[in-house]
Amino acid sequence: MLRSLYTGWTGMYNQQKRLDVISNNMANTTTVGYKKEFATSQSFDDLLAIKIRDNSEGWRRRSIGDVSLGVKIGEIHTDYTQGSLRETGNPFDLGIEGDGFFKVNVTDKQGNVYESFTRSGQFHMTADGFVVDANGNHLQSENGDFQVPVDASEIVIDVQGYVFADGEIVDQLTLTDFEDYEYLKKFQDTYYRPVDGATMTGTDAGIRQGYTEQSNVMVVNEMVDLIATTRAYEANQKMIKAADTVMDQAANSVGRVQ
């Protein structure tokens, strides 16, 4: 009976974690370049139950079966499917058609600079001509920090990433892809960093100037998952209440000394 309480608790804890992931997806429905996440579940490793040594079977230990200890969160996975492109008219807004990421240099509070990757192409130009994202992180190009002439009357970025200032080529933006996205670590909702084992590759994806890639979260699907998760949480609650009622009856009624 105590095992049933523990199993019910692990179920509630698992559904709570899934609810956190779904809530974060819904909160980022309008976040440019956001990729939805989903949680997988797996059972705890089975614990082998052993019959203790007694006189019933000649004083020997014997396996009597496997006992599952409940469920736990397996992994949090990211869905990297393409989001829709929305036209903005801003010449420094960039959308990616296909697989790949923009490279940006992210500076933390301690002043450390990390090479990071994102599909959030919502950029703008600073007073000195550098192109940065909403957090001030510099977009990277073939020449390092991407910079355009501040006195240029027209900036054009073609599908292949070539940058033209008043008709003259000044730089090229390059996209980076990875052989296996499982070697990417997500942080701050739209940024990724490679971990040990990550292999960078090229990509034939195109760049669309004046567009941004929207979140790939489908609100209707998230609402359905939210309802299913809530009902599973309630089912585990009822299981715990039922087990508690049985133990209460066993302790206070069946086992009561008259």
Protein backbone atom coordinates (compact mmCIF):
# COMPACT_ATOMS: atom_id res chain seq x y z
CA MET A 1 0.00 0.00 0.00
CA LEU A 2 2.88 2.37 0.73
CA ARG A 3 4.17 1.58 -2.74
CA SER A 4 0.88 2.74 -4.22
CA LEU A 5 1.28 6.07 -2.44
CA TYR A 6 4.77 6.46 -3.83
CA THR A 7 3.64 5.49 -7.34
CA GLY A 8 0.83 8.05 -7.20
CA TRP A 9 3.24 10.73 -6.02
CA THR A 10 5.72 10.06 -8.84
CA GLY A 11 2.82 10.30 -11.30
CA MET A 12 1.77 13.68 -9.88
CA TYR A 13 5.36 14.96 -9.95
CA ASN A 14 5.79 13.81 -13.55
CA GLN A 15 2.59 15.54 -14.69
CA GLN A 16 3.62 18.72 -12.88
CA LYS A 17 6.89 18.80 -14.85
CA ARG A 18 4.98 18.23 -18.08
CA LEU A 19 2.64 21.06 -17.12
CA ASP A 20 5.64 23.36 -16.64
CA VAL A 21 6.88 22.57 -20.15
CA ILE A 22 3.45 23.12 -21.71
CA SER A 23 3.02 26.41 -19.84
CA ASN A 24 6.40 27.63 -21.10
CA ASN A 25 5.43 26.72 -24.67
CA MET A 26 2.18 28.66 -24.40
CA ALA A 27 3.97 31.65 -22.87
CA ASN A 28 6.29 31.75 -25.91
CA THR A 29 3.63 31.42 -28.59
CA THR A 30 4.53 34.85 -29.97
CA THR A 31 8.29 34.66 -29.31
CA VAL A 32 10.22 35.00 -32.58
CA GLY A 33 12.29 31.90 -33.36
CA TYR A 34 11.05 29.89 -30.35
CA LYS A 35 11.01 26.10 -30.70
CA LYS A 36 8.51 24.14 -28.66
CA GLU A 37 9.58 21.55 -26.10
CA PHE A 38 7.99 18.33 -24.93
CA ALA A 39 8.68 16.02 -22.02
CA THR A 40 9.01 12.26 -22.29
CA SER A 41 8.22 9.83 -19.47
CA GLN A 42 9.82 6.57 -18.43
CA SER A 43 9.38 4.15 -15.59
CA PHE A 44 11.89 3.77 -12.82
CA ASP A 45 14.17 0.75 -13.09
CA ASP A 46 12.39 -2.32 -11.79
CA LEU A 47 13.30 -3.40 -8.30
CA LEU A 48 13.64 -7.16 -7.93
CA ALA A 49 11.53 -8.39 -5.02
CA ILE A 50 13.13 -11.14 -2.96
CA LYS A 51 11.43 -13.71 -0.75
CA ILE A 52 13.23 -13.66 2.57
CA ARG A 53 14.84 -16.80 3.96
CA ASP A 54 12.38 -18.71 6.10
CA ASN A 55 11.46 -22.31 6.83
CA SER A 56 8.74 -22.58 4.17
CA GLU A 57 11.11 -23.44 1.31
CA GLY A 58 14.17 -24.89 2.90
CA TRP A 59 15.77 -21.67 4.01
CA ARG A 60 16.53 -20.12 0.63
CA ARG A 61 16.03 -16.76 -1.06
CA ARG A 62 13.89 -16.69 -4.18
CA SER A 63 12.91 -13.97 -6.64
CA ILE A 64 9.16 -13.40 -6.63
CA GLY A 65 8.82 -10.82 -9.42
CA ASP A 66 9.58 -7.30 -10.56
CA VAL A 67 8.14 -4.26 -8.83
CA SER A 68 7.94 -0.93 -10.68
CA LEU A 69 8.47 2.10 -8.48
CA GLY A 70 6.50 4.49 -10.64
CA VAL A 71 7.29 7.00 -13.39
CA LYS A 72 9.80 9.79 -13.90
CA ILE A 73 10.62 12.46 -16.48
CA GLY A 74 12.77 10.94 -19.20
CA GLU A 75 14.09 13.90 -21.19
CA ILE A 76 13.03 17.35 -22.33
CA HIS A 77 13.21 17.40 -26.13
CA THR A 78 13.01 20.35 -28.53
CA ASP A 79 10.97 20.32 -31.73
CA TYR A 80 13.11 22.07 -34.38
CA THR A 81 10.53 22.11 -37.17
CA GLN A 82 10.26 25.24 -39.28
CA GLY A 83 7.99 28.01 -38.05
CA SER A 84 6.02 30.26 -40.38
CA LEU A 85 7.65 33.39 -41.82
CA ARG A 86 6.02 36.75 -41.18
CA GLU A 87 6.81 39.85 -43.21
CA THR A 88 7.85 42.85 -41.11
CA GLY A 89 9.32 45.30 -43.59
CA ASN A 90 12.34 45.87 -41.33
CA PRO A 91 15.49 45.38 -43.51
CA PHE A 92 17.37 43.93 -40.55
CA ASP A 93 14.75 41.33 -39.70
CA LEU A 94 15.94 38.01 -41.12
CA GLY A 95 14.16 34.68 -41.48
CA ILE A 96 15.69 31.28 -42.25
CA GLU A 97 14.11 28.97 -44.82
CA GLY A 98 15.45 25.51 -44.08
CA ASP A 99 17.78 24.08 -41.45
CA GLY A 100 20.41 26.19 -39.75
CA PHE A 101 21.07 28.94 -37.24
CA PHE A 102 22.39 32.48 -37.07
CA LYS A 103 25.62 32.82 -35.10
CA VAL A 104 25.70 35.48 -32.36
CA ASN A 105 28.16 36.35 -29.63
CA VAL A 106 26.42 36.41 -26.26
CA THR A 107 28.06 38.28 -23.37
CA ASP A 108 27.12 37.20 -19.84
CA LYS A 109 27.05 39.36 -16.69
CA GLN A 110 30.69 38.56 -15.96
CA GLY A 111 31.75 39.82 -19.38
CA ASN A 112 32.44 36.36 -20.83
CA VAL A 113 31.60 36.01 -24.53
CA TYR A 114 30.02 32.77 -25.76
CA GLU A 115 29.43 31.69 -29.35
CA SER A 116 25.73 30.93 -29.52
CA PHE A 117 23.20 30.05 -32.19
CA THR A 118 19.62 31.17 -32.73
CA ARG A 119 16.80 31.23 -35.26
CA SER A 120 15.41 34.44 -33.80
CA GLY A 121 16.18 36.88 -36.61
CA GLN A 122 14.80 40.03 -35.01
CA PHE A 123 17.81 42.36 -35.42
CA HIS A 124 18.42 46.09 -35.56
CA MET A 125 21.33 48.41 -36.35
CA THR A 126 23.14 50.39 -33.68
CA ALA A 127 24.41 53.97 -34.08
CA ASP A 128 27.86 52.70 -35.12
CA GLY A 129 26.49 50.29 -37.74
CA PHE A 130 26.65 47.00 -35.84
CA VAL A 131 23.70 44.63 -36.26
CA VAL A 132 22.52 43.21 -32.92
CA ASP A 133 19.54 41.33 -31.55
CA ALA A 134 17.05 42.53 -28.93
CA ASN A 135 19.54 41.70 -26.15
CA GLY A 136 22.43 43.56 -27.76
CA ASN A 137 24.24 40.41 -28.93
CA HIS A 138 26.27 40.90 -32.11
CA LEU A 139 25.26 38.99 -35.22
CA GLN A 140 28.27 37.25 -36.78
CA SER A 141 29.29 37.28 -40.43
CA GLU A 142 32.32 36.30 -42.51
CA ASN A 143 34.15 39.35 -41.11
CA GLY A 144 33.23 38.81 -37.45
CA ASP A 145 30.76 41.23 -35.85
CA PHE A 146 28.33 42.14 -38.63
CA GLN A 147 28.61 45.86 -39.41
CA VAL A 148 27.15 47.93 -42.23
CA PRO A 149 27.92 51.51 -43.36
CA VAL A 150 25.77 53.91 -41.35
CA ASP A 151 25.56 56.32 -44.29
CA ALA A 152 24.23 53.71 -46.73
CA SER A 153 20.80 54.56 -48.08
CA GLU A 154 19.89 50.93 -48.83
CA ILE A 155 20.99 47.63 -47.29
CA VAL A 156 20.07 44.49 -49.21
CA ILE A 157 20.69 40.92 -48.03
CA ASP A 158 20.03 38.26 -50.63
CA VAL A 159 18.98 34.64 -50.16
CA GLN A 160 22.60 33.44 -50.00
CA GLY A 161 23.47 35.95 -47.30
CA TYR A 162 25.45 38.42 -49.44
CA VAL A 163 25.14 41.93 -48.03
CA PHE A 164 24.95 44.91 -50.42
CA ALA A 165 25.26 48.53 -49.30
CA ASP A 166 24.03 50.85 -52.05
CA GLY A 167 24.67 48.11 -54.59
CA GLU A 168 28.17 47.12 -53.43
CA ILE A 169 29.01 43.87 -51.61
CA VAL A 170 30.31 44.59 -48.10
CA ASP A 171 29.96 41.26 -46.27
CA GLN A 172 28.26 37.87 -46.20
CA LEU A 173 26.12 36.27 -43.52
CA THR A 174 26.64 32.54 -43.05
CA LEU A 175 24.33 30.01 -41.45
CA THR A 176 25.53 27.11 -39.31
CA ASP A 177 23.86 23.73 -38.95
CA PHE A 178 24.63 20.63 -36.85
CA GLU A 179 24.65 16.93 -37.64
CA ASP A 180 22.71 16.08 -34.49
CA TYR A 181 20.61 18.62 -32.57
CA GLU A 182 20.79 16.42 -29.47
CA TYR A 183 24.21 18.00 -28.90
CA LEU A 184 22.69 21.48 -28.53
CA LYS A 185 21.91 22.95 -25.12
CA LYS A 186 19.06 25.42 -24.98
CA PHE A 187 19.10 28.56 -22.84
CA GLN A 188 17.08 31.80 -22.67
CA ASP A 189 14.29 30.25 -24.79
CA THR A 190 15.79 31.01 -28.24
CA TYR A 191 19.55 30.49 -27.90
CA TYR A 192 21.54 27.27 -28.25
CA ARG A 193 25.11 26.29 -27.45
CA PRO A 194 26.92 23.18 -28.72
CA VAL A 195 28.15 20.69 -26.15
CA ASP A 196 30.94 18.13 -26.37
CA GLY A 197 30.32 15.89 -29.39
CA ALA A 198 28.54 18.52 -31.50
CA THR A 199 29.57 18.61 -35.17
CA MET A 200 28.97 21.77 -37.19
CA THR A 201 27.98 21.48 -40.84
CA GLY A 202 27.06 23.81 -43.66
CA THR A 203 23.52 24.29 -44.90
CA ASP A 204 21.79 25.28 -48.12
CA ALA A 205 19.07 27.17 -46.23
CA GLY A 206 18.12 30.60 -47.52
CA ILE A 207 17.84 33.95 -45.75
CA ARG A 208 14.72 36.07 -46.23
CA GLN A 209 15.27 39.76 -45.57
CA GLY A 210 12.37 41.62 -43.99
CA TYR A 211 10.86 38.46 -42.47
CA THR A 212 11.01 36.76 -39.06
CA GLU A 213 10.37 33.13 -38.23
CA GLN A 214 7.52 32.75 -35.80
CA SER A 215 7.22 30.25 -32.96
CA ASN A 216 6.31 26.71 -34.04
CA VAL A 217 3.97 26.30 -31.04
CA MET A 218 0.39 25.32 -31.96
CA VAL A 219 -1.84 26.72 -29.24
CA VAL A 220 -4.67 24.25 -29.89
CA ASN A 221 -2.33 21.26 -29.51
CA GLU A 222 -0.88 22.72 -26.31
CA MET A 223 -4.39 23.20 -24.88
CA VAL A 224 -5.24 19.56 -25.63
CA ASP A 225 -2.02 18.42 -23.94
CA LEU A 226 -2.77 20.72 -21.02
CA ILE A 227 -6.19 19.13 -20.46
CA ALA A 228 -4.77 15.60 -20.75
CA THR A 229 -1.96 16.40 -18.30
CA THR A 230 -4.37 17.94 -15.79
CA ARG A 231 -6.64 14.90 -15.90
CA ALA A 232 -3.67 12.56 -15.43
CA TYR A 233 -2.60 14.62 -12.43
CA GLU A 234 -6.11 14.35 -10.94
CA ALA A 235 -6.14 10.57 -11.55
CA ASN A 236 -2.95 10.21 -9.51
CA GLN A 237 -4.46 12.37 -6.79
CA LYS A 238 -7.46 10.05 -6.57
CA MET A 239 -5.15 7.03 -6.41
CA ILE A 240 -3.37 8.54 -3.40
CA LYS A 241 -6.67 9.36 -1.70
CA ALA A 242 -7.93 5.81 -2.26
CA ALA A 243 -4.75 4.30 -0.82
CA ASP A 244 -4.94 6.65 2.16
CA THR A 245 -8.56 5.64 2.80
CA VAL A 246 -7.67 1.94 2.71
CA MET A 247 -4.79 2.43 5.14
CA ASP A 248 -7.03 4.47 7.41
CA GLN A 249 -9.60 1.65 7.47
CA ALA A 250 -6.88 -0.95 8.07
CA ALA A 251 -5.36 0.97 10.96
CA ASN A 252 -8.46 2.37 12.65
CA SER A 253 -11.19 -0.16 11.89
CA VAL A 254 -9.87 -3.61 10.88
CA GLY A 255 -6.94 -3.55 13.26
CA ARG A 256 -8.72 -1.85 16.15
CA VAL A 257 -8.67 -3.73 19.42
CA GLN A 258 -12.13 -4.04 20.94
